[in-house]
C-alpha cells in the first residue's frame, strides 16, 4: 500500500521534484504505433531476478499491476479505493 501511495504522488506529480523523471512511461519511448499500455511505466527486462526487488523496478511494477484504482486523481479517494480493493482481495482469498 505504501508503494502505491508513493507512486500515486509521482504519477500525479505532487511528489518532490527530485523524484521527477526517474521512470519513463511507454508513451515517452519512441515507437511507431499506439500501445494499449501507453500510460504504464516502462520496465526493462532485468538480467537478474534480484533486481526485481529493488525499488527502481518494484515501485513502477506495482503501479502497473494496480489496475483501475490508479485512475483516482484525488489522494483521499485513491486511498479509499485502494483499501477497498485490498479488502476485496482478502475476502476473496487472493
C-alpha atoms as a PDB file:
ATOM      1  CA  UNK A   1       0.000   0.000   0.000  1.00  0.00           C
ATOM      2  CA  UNK A   2       2.861   2.378   0.782  1.00  0.00           C
ATOM      3  CA  UNK A   3       4.423   1.692  -2.612  1.00  0.00           C
ATOM      4  CA  UNK A   4       1.204   2.589  -4.392  1.00  0.00           C
ATOM      5  CA  UNK A   5       0.731   5.746  -2.312  1.00  0.00           C
ATOM      6  CA  UNK A   6       4.239   6.849  -3.242  1.00  0.00           C
ATOM      7  CA  UNK A   7       3.728   6.054  -6.921  1.00  0.00           C
ATOM      8  CA  UNK A   8       0.430   7.951  -6.875  1.00  0.00           C
ATOM      9  CA  UNK A   9       2.315  11.075  -5.828  1.00  0.00           C
ATOM     10  CA  UNK A  10       4.803  10.553  -8.643  1.00  0.00           C
ATOM     11  CA  UNK A  11       2.217   9.727 -11.294  1.00  0.00           C
ATOM     12  CA  UNK A  12       0.065  12.759 -10.487  1.00  0.00           C
ATOM     13  CA  UNK A  13       3.134  14.980  -9.993  1.00  0.00           C
ATOM     14  CA  UNK A  14       2.815  16.143  -6.403  1.00  0.00           C
ATOM     15  CA  UNK A  15       5.969  14.360  -5.211  1.00  0.00           C
ATOM     16  CA  UNK A  16       9.166  16.364  -4.579  1.00  0.00           C
ATOM     17  CA  UNK A  17      10.951  17.452  -7.738  1.00  0.00           C
ATOM     18  CA  UNK A  18      13.876  15.154  -7.005  1.00  0.00           C
ATOM     19  CA  UNK A  19      11.624  12.216  -7.990  1.00  0.00           C
ATOM     20  CA  UNK A  20      10.528  13.649 -11.320  1.00  0.00           C
ATOM     21  CA  UNK A  21      11.616  11.849 -14.472  1.00  0.00           C
ATOM     22  CA  UNK A  22      13.055   8.792 -12.697  1.00  0.00           C
ATOM     23  CA  UNK A  23      10.776   6.376 -14.533  1.00  0.00           C
ATOM     24  CA  UNK A  24       9.883   6.569 -18.199  1.00  0.00           C
ATOM     25  CA  UNK A  25       6.368   5.823 -19.419  1.00  0.00           C
ATOM     26  CA  UNK A  26       5.704   3.746 -22.501  1.00  0.00           C
ATOM     27  CA  UNK A  27       4.341   6.778 -24.327  1.00  0.00           C
ATOM     28  CA  UNK A  28       7.667   8.618 -23.734  1.00  0.00           C
ATOM     29  CA  UNK A  29       9.566   5.991 -25.684  1.00  0.00           C
ATOM     30  CA  UNK A  30       9.780   6.349 -29.412  1.00  0.00           C
ATOM     31  CA  UNK A  31       7.579   3.754 -31.044  1.00  0.00           C
ATOM     32  CA  UNK A  32       5.691   3.730 -34.294  1.00  0.00           C
ATOM     33  CA  UNK A  33       2.227   2.697 -33.142  1.00  0.00           C
ATOM     34  CA  UNK A  34      -0.123   3.230 -30.212  1.00  0.00           C
ATOM     35  CA  UNK A  35       0.111   0.791 -27.337  1.00  0.00           C
ATOM     36  CA  UNK A  36      -2.719  -0.343 -25.108  1.00  0.00           C
ATOM     37  CA  UNK A  37      -0.445   0.191 -22.078  1.00  0.00           C
ATOM     38  CA  UNK A  38       0.791   3.573 -23.273  1.00  0.00           C
ATOM     39  CA  UNK A  39       0.289   5.191 -19.860  1.00  0.00           C
ATOM     40  CA  UNK A  40       2.107   2.454 -17.891  1.00  0.00           C
ATOM     41  CA  UNK A  41       5.684   2.785 -16.778  1.00  0.00           C
ATOM     42  CA  UNK A  42       8.337   1.173 -18.954  1.00  0.00           C
ATOM     43  CA  UNK A  43      10.094  -1.740 -17.246  1.00  0.00           C
ATOM     44  CA  UNK A  44      13.199  -3.141 -18.889  1.00  0.00           C
ATOM     45  CA  UNK A  45      13.760  -6.884 -18.759  1.00  0.00           C
ATOM     46  CA  UNK A  46      16.024  -7.486 -15.763  1.00  0.00           C
ATOM     47  CA  UNK A  47      19.077  -9.656 -16.188  1.00  0.00           C
ATOM     48  CA  UNK A  48      18.942 -10.815 -12.579  1.00  0.00           C
ATOM     49  CA  UNK A  49      15.913 -11.852 -10.528  1.00  0.00           C
ATOM     50  CA  UNK A  50      17.335  -9.935  -7.571  1.00  0.00           C
ATOM     51  CA  UNK A  51      16.854  -6.675  -9.498  1.00  0.00           C
ATOM     52  CA  UNK A  52      13.079  -7.114  -9.307  1.00  0.00           C
ATOM     53  CA  UNK A  53      13.230  -6.491  -5.547  1.00  0.00           C
ATOM     54  CA  UNK A  54      14.875  -3.069  -5.871  1.00  0.00           C
ATOM     55  CA  UNK A  55      12.580  -0.028  -5.598  1.00  0.00           C
ATOM     56  CA  UNK A  56      13.674   1.266  -9.002  1.00  0.00           C
ATOM     57  CA  UNK A  57      11.907  -1.762 -10.515  1.00  0.00           C
ATOM     58  CA  UNK A  58       9.319  -2.812  -7.912  1.00  0.00           C
ATOM     59  CA  UNK A  59       7.617   0.578  -7.489  1.00  0.00           C
ATOM     60  CA  UNK A  60       6.552   1.046 -11.116  1.00  0.00           C
ATOM     61  CA  UNK A  61       5.800  -2.686 -11.394  1.00  0.00           C
ATOM     62  CA  UNK A  62       3.306  -2.462  -8.509  1.00  0.00           C
ATOM     63  CA  UNK A  63       1.754   0.648 -10.060  1.00  0.00           C
ATOM     64  CA  UNK A  64       1.348  -1.048 -13.438  1.00  0.00           C
ATOM     65  CA  UNK A  65      -0.322  -4.043 -11.758  1.00  0.00           C
ATOM     66  CA  UNK A  66      -2.705  -1.974  -9.567  1.00  0.00           C
ATOM     67  CA  UNK A  67      -5.423  -1.739 -12.211  1.00  0.00           C
ATOM     68  CA  UNK A  68      -8.415   0.585 -12.084  1.00  0.00           C
ATOM     69  CA  UNK A  69      -7.527   2.111  -8.726  1.00  0.00           C
ATOM     70  CA  UNK A  70      -4.771   4.150 -10.407  1.00  0.00           C
ATOM     71  CA  UNK A  71      -7.385   6.274 -12.187  1.00  0.00           C
ATOM     72  CA  UNK A  72      -8.306   8.155  -8.988  1.00  0.00           C
ATOM     73  CA  UNK A  73      -6.531  11.511  -9.149  1.00  0.00           C
ATOM     74  CA  UNK A  74      -7.536  12.727  -5.687  1.00  0.00           C
ATOM     75  CA  UNK A  75      -5.262  11.357  -2.953  1.00  0.00           C
ATOM     76  CA  UNK A  76      -8.079  10.718  -0.484  1.00  0.00           C
ATOM     77  CA  UNK A  77     -10.347   8.892  -2.919  1.00  0.00           C
ATOM     78  CA  UNK A  78      -7.334   6.913  -4.141  1.00  0.00           C
ATOM     79  CA  UNK A  79      -6.599   5.692  -0.608  1.00  0.00           C
ATOM     80  CA  UNK A  80     -10.232   4.760  -0.034  1.00  0.00           C
ATOM     81  CA  UNK A  81     -10.410   2.848  -3.320  1.00  0.00           C
ATOM     82  CA  UNK A  82      -7.082   1.134  -2.608  1.00  0.00           C
ATOM     83  CA  UNK A  83      -8.242  -0.029   0.826  1.00  0.00           C
ATOM     84  CA  UNK A  84     -11.467  -1.302  -0.714  1.00  0.00           C
ATOM     85  CA  UNK A  85      -9.539  -3.213  -3.353  1.00  0.00           C
ATOM     86  CA  UNK A  86      -7.224  -4.752  -0.753  1.00  0.00           C
ATOM     87  CA  UNK A  87     -10.151  -5.783   1.492  1.00  0.00           C
ATOM     88  CA  UNK A  88     -11.882  -7.329  -1.512  1.00  0.00           C
ATOM     89  CA  UNK A  89      -8.761  -9.342  -2.347  1.00  0.00           C
ATOM     90  CA  UNK A  90      -8.501 -10.582   1.228  1.00  0.00           C
ATOM     91  CA  UNK A  91     -12.175 -11.581   1.329  1.00  0.00           C
ATOM     92  CA  UNK A  92     -11.911 -13.401  -1.991  1.00  0.00           C
ATOM     93  CA  UNK A  93      -8.787 -15.244  -0.851  1.00  0.00           C
ATOM     94  CA  UNK A  94      -6.408 -13.923  -3.487  1.00  0.00           C
END
